[in-house]
Amino acid sequence: MIGHGPSGAKHLLAAMLSACEHMVFPGEIDAGLTSSKLAFRTALEILLARECTGNSAALQLMAAAARSTGVDPRDDHGVSGDSEWSRACALLLAAERKMAAERGNLDGLALAALCRSEADVLSLSRANLDVAQERHPHAITSDRLEAYLRHRTGHGTLRVLELRHLMGGFGKETVFFSTDSDALRGEFVLRRDQPVELVPGACHRVRHEYAVIDAVRQRGFPAPDVLWHECDHPMMPGPDFFVMRKSEGATIGTLAGATSVPDPRLNEHLGSMLARLHGLGTLRELGDLTETIRSDLWGVSGAEAIRTYAASMETMLTDNPHAASPATLGVWRWLIANVPDNLGRSCLIHGDIGFHNMLMRDGELTCLLDWENAQIGHPGMDLGYVYNAAHESLDWHRVMEAYEAGGGIPLSERTLLFFRILMLARLVTTLNVGPAHLFVGNVDQMRLLNAEVFLRGPALQRLANLMEQYESAAPAVQRLACNT
């Protein structure tokens, strides 16, 4: 794994081995001796053992087995080059040939020892590996959730009718469930932290996200109906979680964009909703919630908020496990040095408004989901993110008309481009820091591999394109000053 150090492959293989337990192979009922699932698991164990121990143990056993037959290990046995593995294999082959040429009575004890030596080579893949053990002792199951809800509500007959793990984003465990009790009836979503904070900052911990969602909903903004936040309950041990009612509507896309043609009315709905969010005012009730939602930040200028945020992202990148990326670090330095003047006020932003977090019903935008990126920032951060994520499927002119009609302050094309770069830089950074936890063994969430392999590279390419656009559009006087 490029950039993640020599242990990255070991932790990736361990995560694959854990994920293998949940794999289903077509036509197979169990993981018996003739199953493909067992073969796949065994192959992963062999590769993991090789990563954990290197080749040294196998090489030593192979050489010992060969020596026990009287083969001279100093002979190259026709192998050219200096590959230890090839030489060890040649030793075993020479020993086999020597055994085939043997005509007298063989020493049974010596043969027994030889059998054990070869068996040890074959069993290396399963030696001293703890990864076969359950890595999620606090997994959410129907029985565990039902017992917890019965205890919380005091209704011993409450039943969990359905439970499904939702893929959602990368940062949280998200579970849908439904119940049939008078104390708790309907459809709900449980949102839970990962064992480690994949991306530090903002509202990436559910206790912070819960507080923001509750505050904006209390002010009438269409956010999820959160019910309670749970911390360290004995019947649901593990990371924090909160429970909310399932919101009305359905998403019309993913992180990559729309999966169907949006209703044209979305343009006005989205513009109005963005203006409404940015006009919520000061939410003093949140207090000093996080590093980016603090009492002293409500009065700062937009420019100051952006500089502070960019500096914190640079620090977050360098202070956490990540694949070394001089380009990403350089972009943050560039952003700090190029914050536009006269940005106006700061406000609460959502930070992740794309089709994957919009719920639609009958052409109406009913709810914004996933507030883990909420912070005090500049409205341009939301506008830049929305443009990057969704503009190809939107009529941006209509979006901005509705935004301005609702009280939103317009941005120049060049300033919008700056914020598009800022939000892509954030994406590139989170796509680096988040998956890094997989490669250092903090989590075994295999979906993070998709972020590393399929998302970070294209995001860096898009970031390069936007920076070229920004620099090519720079005023001639500014370019001349930079050149001199």
Protein backbone atom coordinates (compact mmCIF):
# COMPACT_ATOMS: atom_id res chain seq x y z
CA MET A 1 0.00 0.00 0.00
CA ILE A 2 1.77 3.05 -1.31
CA GLY A 3 2.47 5.66 1.33
CA HIS A 4 1.20 3.63 4.29
CA GLY A 5 4.43 2.00 5.41
CA PRO A 6 5.56 -1.63 5.54
CA SER A 7 2.75 -2.80 7.83
CA GLY A 8 -0.11 -1.53 5.65
CA ALA A 9 -0.56 -4.76 3.70
CA LYS A 10 -0.67 -6.79 6.93
CA HIS A 11 -3.52 -4.73 8.37
CA LEU A 12 -5.37 -4.74 5.05
CA LEU A 13 -5.18 -8.53 4.86
CA ALA A 14 -6.40 -8.77 8.46
CA ALA A 15 -9.40 -6.60 7.55
CA MET A 16 -10.10 -8.77 4.50
CA LEU A 17 -9.99 -11.87 6.67
CA SER A 18 -12.48 -10.34 9.09
CA ALA A 19 -14.76 -9.29 6.22
CA CYS A 20 -14.58 -12.80 4.78
CA GLU A 21 -16.80 -14.03 7.61
CA HIS A 22 -19.71 -12.05 6.12
CA MET A 23 -19.15 -13.08 2.50
CA VAL A 24 -21.63 -15.28 0.67
CA PHE A 25 -20.54 -17.43 -2.26
CA PRO A 26 -23.28 -18.37 -4.76
CA GLY A 27 -24.49 -21.94 -4.38
CA GLU A 28 -22.70 -22.59 -1.08
CA ILE A 29 -24.61 -23.28 2.11
CA ASP A 30 -21.69 -23.42 4.52
CA ALA A 31 -17.92 -23.01 4.66
CA GLY A 32 -17.09 -26.74 4.55
CA LEU A 33 -13.92 -28.35 3.28
CA THR A 34 -15.01 -28.18 -0.35
CA SER A 35 -16.23 -24.58 -0.21
CA SER A 36 -14.78 -21.63 -2.06
CA LYS A 37 -15.26 -19.53 1.07
CA LEU A 38 -12.87 -21.72 3.08
CA ALA A 39 -10.35 -21.63 0.22
CA PHE A 40 -10.57 -17.84 0.03
CA ARG A 41 -10.13 -17.51 3.78
CA THR A 42 -7.16 -19.87 3.76
CA ALA A 43 -5.48 -17.92 0.97
CA LEU A 44 -5.86 -14.73 3.01
CA GLU A 45 -4.41 -16.46 6.08
CA ILE A 46 -1.37 -17.59 4.09
CA LEU A 47 -0.76 -14.09 2.76
CA LEU A 48 -1.28 -12.58 6.21
CA ALA A 49 1.15 -15.03 7.78
CA ARG A 50 3.70 -14.13 5.13
CA GLU A 51 3.24 -10.44 5.94
CA CYS A 52 3.41 -11.05 9.71
CA THR A 53 6.45 -13.34 9.77
CA GLY A 54 8.09 -12.68 6.42
CA ASN A 55 9.55 -15.62 4.53
CA SER A 56 12.16 -16.38 7.18
CA ALA A 57 10.24 -19.03 9.12
CA ALA A 58 9.20 -20.93 6.01
CA LEU A 59 12.70 -20.71 4.55
CA GLN A 60 14.27 -22.10 7.72
CA LEU A 61 11.82 -25.02 7.86
CA MET A 62 12.31 -25.86 4.19
CA ALA A 63 16.08 -25.82 4.55
CA ALA A 64 15.90 -27.98 7.69
CA ALA A 65 13.71 -30.52 5.90
CA ALA A 66 16.17 -30.69 3.04
CA ARG A 67 19.18 -31.07 5.32
CA SER A 68 17.53 -33.95 7.15
CA THR A 69 17.69 -35.95 3.91
CA GLY A 70 21.39 -35.31 3.50
CA VAL A 71 21.14 -32.62 0.84
CA ASP A 72 24.01 -30.12 0.91
CA PRO A 73 22.49 -26.63 1.43
CA ARG A 74 25.67 -25.03 0.04
CA ASP A 75 24.97 -26.48 -3.42
CA ASP A 76 22.99 -24.06 -5.65
CA HIS A 77 21.11 -27.01 -7.22
CA GLY A 78 20.93 -25.28 -10.56
CA VAL A 79 19.27 -22.12 -9.28
CA SER A 80 20.67 -18.87 -10.63
CA GLY A 81 20.34 -15.58 -8.79
CA ASP A 82 20.12 -14.92 -5.10
CA SER A 83 16.42 -15.46 -4.37
CA GLU A 84 16.21 -17.18 -0.99
CA TRP A 85 12.79 -18.55 -1.82
CA SER A 86 13.93 -20.10 -5.10
CA ARG A 87 16.97 -21.66 -3.41
CA ALA A 88 14.84 -23.11 -0.61
CA CYS A 89 12.41 -24.61 -3.13
CA ALA A 90 15.36 -26.08 -5.05
CA LEU A 91 16.66 -27.62 -1.83
CA LEU A 92 13.32 -29.35 -1.21
CA LEU A 93 13.17 -30.56 -4.81
CA ALA A 94 16.69 -31.95 -4.53
CA ALA A 95 15.72 -33.69 -1.29
CA GLU A 96 12.68 -35.20 -3.03
CA ARG A 97 14.85 -36.52 -5.85
CA LYS A 98 17.31 -37.93 -3.35
CA MET A 99 14.47 -39.67 -1.54
CA ALA A 100 13.15 -41.10 -4.83
CA ALA A 101 16.59 -42.60 -5.53
CA GLU A 102 16.78 -44.23 -2.08
CA ARG A 103 16.80 -48.03 -2.31
CA GLY A 104 17.49 -49.20 1.25
CA ASN A 105 15.34 -49.29 4.38
CA LEU A 106 14.46 -45.78 5.52
CA ASP A 107 14.65 -44.61 9.12
CA GLY A 108 11.04 -44.33 10.31
CA LEU A 109 11.84 -41.80 13.01
CA ALA A 110 13.72 -39.63 10.57
CA LEU A 111 10.77 -39.83 8.17
CA ALA A 112 8.39 -38.86 10.97
CA ALA A 113 10.53 -35.83 11.72
CA LEU A 114 10.58 -34.96 8.02
CA CYS A 115 6.79 -35.23 7.86
CA ARG A 116 6.47 -32.88 10.78
CA SER A 117 8.88 -30.41 9.18
CA GLU A 118 6.84 -30.27 6.00
CA ALA A 119 3.59 -30.05 7.95
CA ASP A 120 5.01 -27.10 9.86
CA VAL A 121 5.71 -25.34 6.57
CA LEU A 122 2.12 -25.90 5.44
CA SER A 123 0.64 -24.82 8.78
CA LEU A 124 2.54 -21.53 8.95
CA SER A 125 -0.52 -19.81 7.51
CA ARG A 126 -2.53 -20.61 10.63
CA ALA A 127 0.15 -20.19 13.29
CA ASN A 128 -0.24 -17.50 15.97
CA LEU A 129 -2.88 -15.53 14.08
CA ASP A 130 -5.54 -13.91 16.26
CA VAL A 131 -7.44 -12.40 13.36
CA ALA A 132 -9.81 -15.35 13.21
CA GLN A 133 -11.34 -14.19 16.49
CA GLU A 134 -14.38 -11.93 16.55
CA ARG A 135 -13.17 -8.36 16.07
CA HIS A 136 -16.52 -6.75 16.82
CA PRO A 137 -17.64 -7.99 20.26
CA HIS A 138 -20.15 -5.11 20.40
CA ALA A 139 -21.79 -5.71 17.02
CA ILE A 140 -25.40 -4.48 16.76
CA THR A 141 -27.76 -7.44 16.37
CA SER A 142 -31.54 -7.69 16.55
CA ASP A 143 -31.42 -9.54 19.88
CA ARG A 144 -28.98 -7.10 21.47
CA LEU A 145 -30.87 -4.03 20.24
CA GLU A 146 -34.22 -5.48 21.30
CA ALA A 147 -32.96 -6.19 24.84
CA TYR A 148 -31.55 -2.66 25.08
CA LEU A 149 -34.78 -1.02 23.87
CA ARG A 150 -36.88 -3.11 26.27
CA HIS A 151 -34.69 -1.96 29.13
CA ARG A 152 -34.76 1.68 28.04
CA THR A 153 -38.53 1.89 27.46
CA GLY A 154 -39.58 -0.46 30.27
CA HIS A 155 -41.70 -2.49 27.82
CA GLY A 156 -40.68 -6.13 28.05
CA THR A 157 -42.74 -7.11 25.00
CA LEU A 158 -41.15 -4.64 22.56
CA ARG A 159 -39.98 -6.37 19.39
CA VAL A 160 -37.47 -5.34 16.74
CA LEU A 161 -39.27 -6.30 13.55
CA GLU A 162 -36.48 -5.55 11.12
CA LEU A 163 -32.82 -4.58 11.33
CA ARG A 164 -30.59 -3.65 8.39
CA HIS A 165 -27.08 -2.26 8.31
CA LEU A 166 -26.95 0.65 5.86
CA MET A 167 -23.88 1.45 3.82
CA GLY A 168 -24.21 5.24 3.98
CA GLY A 169 -20.92 7.09 4.31
CA PHE A 170 -17.55 5.95 5.57
CA GLY A 171 -17.46 7.60 8.98
CA LYS A 172 -20.31 5.99 10.93
CA GLU A 173 -22.05 2.69 11.49
CA THR A 174 -25.66 3.25 10.42
CA VAL A 175 -28.48 0.83 11.22
CA PHE A 176 -32.16 0.92 10.22
CA PHE A 177 -34.64 -0.79 12.52
CA SER A 178 -38.38 -0.91 13.12
CA THR A 179 -40.37 -1.69 16.28
CA ASP A 180 -43.98 -2.48 17.22
CA SER A 181 -44.36 -1.26 20.83
CA ASP A 182 -46.64 1.55 22.00
CA ALA A 183 -43.58 2.92 23.78
CA LEU A 184 -41.59 3.02 20.56
CA ARG A 185 -43.38 2.31 17.32
CA GLY A 186 -42.25 3.00 13.79
CA GLU A 187 -39.06 3.15 11.72
CA PHE A 188 -35.79 4.46 13.13
CA VAL A 189 -32.13 4.94 12.29
CA LEU A 190 -29.27 4.36 14.72
CA ARG A 191 -26.04 6.21 13.99
CA ARG A 192 -22.90 5.05 15.79
CA ASP A 193 -19.28 6.15 16.10
CA GLN A 194 -16.41 4.05 14.83
CA PRO A 195 -14.08 2.64 17.54
CA VAL A 196 -11.63 5.42 16.62
CA GLU A 197 -12.32 8.89 15.27
CA LEU A 198 -11.50 8.41 11.60
CA VAL A 199 -11.39 12.13 10.83
CA PRO A 200 -10.80 14.30 13.90
CA GLY A 201 -12.60 17.64 14.18
CA ALA A 202 -15.93 19.17 13.13
CA CYS A 203 -18.84 17.07 14.48
CA HIS A 204 -17.47 13.66 13.58
CA ARG A 205 -18.39 12.31 17.01
CA VAL A 206 -22.10 11.51 17.30
CA ARG A 207 -22.52 13.42 20.56
CA HIS A 208 -21.53 16.61 18.73
CA GLU A 209 -23.59 15.82 15.64
CA TYR A 210 -26.62 15.07 17.81
CA ALA A 211 -26.35 18.46 19.54
CA VAL A 212 -26.20 20.35 16.23
CA ILE A 213 -29.10 18.45 14.67
CA ASP A 214 -31.23 19.02 17.76
CA ALA A 215 -30.39 22.75 17.81
CA VAL A 216 -31.21 23.44 14.15
CA ARG A 217 -34.40 21.36 14.30
CA GLN A 218 -35.51 23.33 17.36
CA ARG A 219 -35.23 26.42 15.15
CA GLY A 220 -37.52 24.87 12.57
CA PHE A 221 -34.88 23.72 10.08
CA PRO A 222 -35.67 20.44 8.25
CA ALA A 223 -33.18 18.16 9.99
CA PRO A 224 -33.72 14.62 11.33
CA ASP A 225 -35.89 14.08 14.39
CA VAL A 226 -33.25 12.91 16.87
CA LEU A 227 -34.62 11.14 19.95
CA TRP A 228 -31.74 10.38 22.28
CA HIS A 229 -27.99 10.03 22.52
CA GLU A 230 -26.51 7.00 24.28
CA CYS A 231 -23.11 6.76 25.93
CA ASP A 232 -21.72 3.55 27.41
CA HIS A 233 -24.97 1.72 28.18
CA PRO A 234 -24.20 -1.73 29.70
CA MET A 235 -26.65 -3.45 27.36
CA MET A 236 -25.18 -1.77 24.26
CA PRO A 237 -21.47 -1.48 25.07
CA GLY A 238 -19.14 0.06 22.54
CA PRO A 239 -18.95 3.46 20.85
CA ASP A 240 -21.58 6.20 21.38
CA PHE A 241 -24.69 6.28 19.22
CA PHE A 242 -27.90 8.23 18.78
CA VAL A 243 -31.33 7.20 17.60
CA MET A 244 -33.57 9.23 15.30
CA ARG A 245 -36.84 8.67 13.50
CA LYS A 246 -36.48 7.71 9.87
CA SER A 247 -37.03 10.91 7.88
CA GLU A 248 -39.57 11.15 5.06
CA GLY A 249 -38.28 10.95 1.51
CA ALA A 250 -35.45 9.23 -0.34
CA THR A 251 -32.03 10.19 -1.61
CA ILE A 252 -31.59 10.60 -5.35
CA GLY A 253 -27.87 10.00 -5.55
CA THR A 254 -24.59 9.07 -3.93
CA LEU A 255 -21.34 10.80 -3.04
CA ALA A 256 -20.46 10.57 -6.74
CA GLY A 257 -23.58 12.47 -7.91
CA ALA A 258 -27.22 12.02 -8.89
CA THR A 259 -28.43 8.55 -9.85
CA SER A 260 -31.60 9.91 -11.46
CA VAL A 261 -32.65 13.19 -13.05
CA PRO A 262 -33.63 15.56 -10.22
CA ASP A 263 -37.02 17.24 -10.22
CA PRO A 264 -36.49 20.79 -11.59
CA ARG A 265 -38.10 22.18 -8.44
CA LEU A 266 -35.03 21.03 -6.50
CA ASN A 267 -33.13 24.09 -7.75
CA GLU A 268 -35.41 26.53 -5.91
CA HIS A 269 -35.82 24.25 -2.88
CA LEU A 270 -32.07 23.86 -2.50
CA GLY A 271 -31.30 27.56 -2.91
CA SER A 272 -33.96 28.50 -0.36
CA MET A 273 -32.82 25.86 2.10
CA LEU A 274 -29.19 27.01 1.88
CA ALA A 275 -30.24 30.61 2.55
CA ARG A 276 -32.37 29.47 5.46
CA LEU A 277 -29.48 27.52 6.97
CA HIS A 278 -27.01 30.38 6.63
CA GLY A 279 -29.55 32.74 8.15
CA LEU A 280 -30.16 30.76 11.34
CA GLY A 281 -28.01 33.20 13.25
CA THR A 282 -25.96 32.57 16.36
CA LEU A 283 -26.65 29.25 18.07
CA ARG A 284 -25.29 30.15 21.49
CA GLU A 285 -27.03 27.14 23.01
CA LEU A 286 -24.34 24.92 21.49
CA GLY A 287 -21.70 26.53 23.70
CA ASP A 288 -18.13 25.36 23.21
CA LEU A 289 -19.10 22.15 21.47
CA THR A 290 -16.07 21.47 19.27
CA GLU A 291 -12.95 23.22 18.03
CA THR A 292 -14.97 24.63 15.12
CA ILE A 293 -18.18 25.40 17.06
CA ARG A 294 -17.17 27.69 19.93
CA SER A 295 -18.75 30.75 21.52
CA ASP A 296 -15.88 33.00 20.41
CA LEU A 297 -16.18 32.01 16.74
CA TRP A 298 -19.66 33.39 16.07
CA GLY A 299 -18.40 36.93 15.71
CA VAL A 300 -15.33 36.35 13.55
CA SER A 301 -15.11 37.45 9.92
CA GLY A 302 -15.48 34.92 7.15
CA ALA A 303 -11.84 35.38 6.14
CA GLU A 304 -10.61 34.72 9.68
CA ALA A 305 -12.81 31.63 9.94
CA ILE A 306 -11.38 30.25 6.68
CA ARG A 307 -7.75 30.87 7.70
CA THR A 308 -8.35 29.19 11.05
CA TYR A 309 -10.06 26.25 9.39
CA ALA A 310 -7.37 25.78 6.74
CA ALA A 311 -4.63 25.86 9.38
CA SER A 312 -6.51 23.27 11.47
CA MET A 313 -6.89 20.97 8.45
CA GLU A 314 -3.18 21.22 7.72
CA THR A 315 -2.44 20.25 11.32
CA MET A 316 -5.01 17.46 11.23
CA LEU A 317 -3.30 15.96 8.18
CA THR A 318 0.19 15.98 9.65
CA ASP A 319 -0.77 14.95 13.19
CA ASN A 320 -2.71 11.82 12.24
CA PRO A 321 -1.91 8.59 10.39
CA HIS A 322 -1.90 9.32 6.67
CA ALA A 323 -0.18 8.55 3.40
CA ALA A 324 2.46 11.22 2.89
CA SER A 325 1.07 13.78 0.43
CA PRO A 326 3.18 16.89 -0.22
CA ALA A 327 0.58 18.00 -2.77
CA THR A 328 -2.24 18.06 -0.21
CA LEU A 329 -0.13 19.89 2.34
CA GLY A 330 0.93 22.41 -0.31
CA VAL A 331 -2.68 23.12 -1.27
CA TRP A 332 -3.55 23.97 2.33
CA ARG A 333 -0.59 26.35 2.50
CA TRP A 334 -1.76 27.92 -0.76
CA LEU A 335 -5.31 28.31 0.54
CA ILE A 336 -4.15 30.09 3.70
CA ALA A 337 -2.14 32.53 1.59
CA ASN A 338 -4.96 33.20 -0.90
CA VAL A 339 -8.07 33.75 1.24
CA PRO A 340 -10.19 36.36 -0.59
CA ASP A 341 -10.80 39.72 1.06
CA ASN A 342 -14.20 41.06 2.16
CA LEU A 343 -15.83 37.68 2.69
CA GLY A 344 -18.39 39.03 5.12
CA ARG A 345 -19.85 37.09 8.02
CA SER A 346 -19.36 33.60 9.34
CA CYS A 347 -22.30 31.30 10.13
CA LEU A 348 -23.24 27.70 10.77
CA ILE A 349 -22.63 25.51 7.72
CA HIS A 350 -23.59 21.92 7.01
CA GLY A 351 -20.43 21.07 5.10
CA ASP A 352 -21.63 17.97 3.22
CA ILE A 353 -24.61 18.90 1.07
CA GLY A 354 -24.78 16.53 -1.89
CA PHE A 355 -27.39 14.23 -3.37
CA HIS A 356 -26.35 11.54 -0.86
CA ASN A 357 -27.54 13.75 2.02
CA MET A 358 -30.70 15.27 0.50
CA LEU A 359 -34.05 13.58 1.05
CA MET A 360 -36.67 14.26 -1.63
CA ARG A 361 -40.40 13.53 -1.70
CA ASP A 362 -42.74 14.53 -4.51
CA GLY A 363 -40.25 17.07 -5.82
CA GLU A 364 -39.74 18.67 -2.39
CA LEU A 365 -36.48 18.74 -0.44
CA THR A 366 -37.64 17.38 2.93
CA CYS A 367 -34.49 16.92 5.01
CA LEU A 368 -30.71 17.33 5.15
CA LEU A 369 -28.94 14.30 6.63
CA ASP A 370 -25.50 13.70 8.17
CA TRP A 371 -24.35 16.80 10.02
CA GLU A 372 -20.93 15.45 11.01
CA ASN A 373 -19.16 18.20 9.03
CA ALA A 374 -21.16 21.04 10.61
CA GLN A 375 -19.08 23.97 11.89
CA ILE A 376 -18.90 27.74 12.09
CA GLY A 377 -17.51 28.75 8.73
CA HIS A 378 -18.37 30.76 5.67
CA PRO A 379 -21.45 30.24 3.46
CA GLY A 380 -19.09 29.79 0.52
CA MET A 381 -18.01 26.47 1.98
CA ASP A 382 -21.51 25.03 1.51
CA LEU A 383 -21.91 26.67 -1.90
CA GLY A 384 -18.53 25.37 -3.07
CA TYR A 385 -19.29 21.87 -1.83
CA VAL A 386 -22.74 21.78 -3.44
CA TYR A 387 -21.31 23.02 -6.72
CA ASN A 388 -18.59 20.35 -6.72
CA ALA A 389 -21.00 17.59 -5.78
CA ALA A 390 -24.14 18.42 -7.73
CA HIS A 391 -23.86 21.29 -10.22
CA GLU A 392 -23.87 19.00 -13.27
CA SER A 393 -27.43 17.97 -12.41
CA LEU A 394 -28.63 21.39 -11.26
CA ASP A 395 -29.50 24.71 -12.88
CA TRP A 396 -27.00 26.71 -10.85
CA HIS A 397 -28.45 30.05 -11.94
CA ARG A 398 -31.85 29.07 -10.50
CA VAL A 399 -30.23 27.77 -7.30
CA MET A 400 -28.46 31.09 -6.73
CA GLU A 401 -31.53 33.14 -7.60
CA ALA A 402 -33.46 31.31 -4.87
CA TYR A 403 -30.49 31.63 -2.50
CA GLU A 404 -30.29 35.40 -2.95
CA ALA A 405 -34.07 35.76 -2.73
CA GLY A 406 -33.89 34.01 0.65
CA GLY A 407 -31.27 36.42 1.96
CA GLY A 408 -28.09 34.62 0.89
CA ILE A 409 -25.12 36.72 -0.22
CA PRO A 410 -23.87 35.90 -3.73
CA LEU A 411 -20.24 35.08 -4.52
CA SER A 412 -18.20 36.09 -7.54
CA GLU A 413 -17.17 33.28 -9.88
CA ARG A 414 -13.57 33.56 -8.72
CA THR A 415 -14.49 33.45 -5.02
CA LEU A 416 -16.76 30.45 -5.64
CA LEU A 417 -13.80 28.77 -7.37
CA PHE A 418 -11.67 29.39 -4.28
CA PHE A 419 -14.27 27.66 -2.09
CA ARG A 420 -14.55 24.80 -4.54
CA ILE A 421 -10.79 24.28 -4.14
CA LEU A 422 -11.10 24.53 -0.36
CA MET A 423 -13.80 21.87 -0.16
CA LEU A 424 -12.00 19.55 -2.57
CA ALA A 425 -8.87 19.93 -0.43
CA ARG A 426 -10.94 18.90 2.59
CA LEU A 427 -12.25 15.89 0.68
CA VAL A 428 -8.74 14.85 -0.41
CA THR A 429 -7.53 15.18 3.18
CA THR A 430 -10.35 13.13 4.71
CA LEU A 431 -9.91 10.50 1.99
CA ASN A 432 -6.32 10.22 3.15
CA VAL A 433 -6.63 10.39 6.95
CA GLY A 434 -9.77 8.23 7.22
CA PRO A 435 -8.53 5.18 5.27
CA ALA A 436 -5.12 5.40 6.97
CA HIS A 437 -6.73 3.89 10.08
CA LEU A 438 -7.32 0.72 8.06
CA PHE A 439 -3.65 0.46 7.14
CA VAL A 440 -2.39 0.92 10.69
CA GLY A 441 -4.86 -1.60 12.13
CA ASN A 442 -7.14 0.75 14.10
CA VAL A 443 -10.25 -0.45 12.24
CA ASP A 444 -11.08 -3.25 9.80
CA GLN A 445 -13.78 -1.41 7.84
CA MET A 446 -13.03 -2.61 4.31
CA ARG A 447 -15.11 0.15 2.68
CA LEU A 448 -12.31 2.55 3.55
CA LEU A 449 -10.19 0.84 0.91
CA ASN A 450 -12.58 2.19 -1.72
CA ALA A 451 -11.93 5.72 -0.51
CA GLU A 452 -8.18 5.21 -0.79
CA VAL A 453 -8.16 3.47 -4.18
CA PHE A 454 -11.14 4.82 -6.09
CA LEU A 455 -11.79 8.29 -4.69
CA ARG A 456 -8.60 10.02 -3.54
CA GLY A 457 -6.79 9.89 -6.89
CA PRO A 458 -9.66 11.34 -8.95
CA ALA A 459 -10.24 13.98 -6.25
CA LEU A 460 -6.59 15.04 -6.51
CA GLN A 461 -6.98 15.27 -10.30
CA ARG A 462 -10.05 17.49 -9.93
CA LEU A 463 -8.21 19.61 -7.39
CA ALA A 464 -5.36 20.13 -9.85
CA ASN A 465 -7.82 21.17 -12.57
CA LEU A 466 -9.52 23.73 -10.33
CA MET A 467 -6.24 25.22 -9.19
CA GLU A 468 -5.16 25.62 -12.81
CA GLN A 469 -8.45 27.37 -13.55
CA TYR A 470 -7.99 29.69 -10.59
CA GLU A 471 -4.42 30.62 -11.48
CA SER A 472 -5.21 31.13 -15.17
CA ALA A 473 -8.03 33.50 -14.21
CA ALA A 474 -5.80 35.57 -11.90
CA PRO A 475 -5.61 39.26 -12.77
CA ALA A 476 -2.55 40.18 -14.86
CA VAL A 477 -1.27 42.53 -12.15
CA GLN A 478 -1.39 39.74 -9.56
CA ARG A 479 0.47 37.33 -11.87
CA LEU A 480 3.11 39.97 -12.54
CA ALA A 481 3.60 40.56 -8.80
CA CYS A 482 4.02 36.81 -8.21
CA ASN A 483 6.58 36.54 -11.02
CA THR A 484 8.67 39.39 -9.67
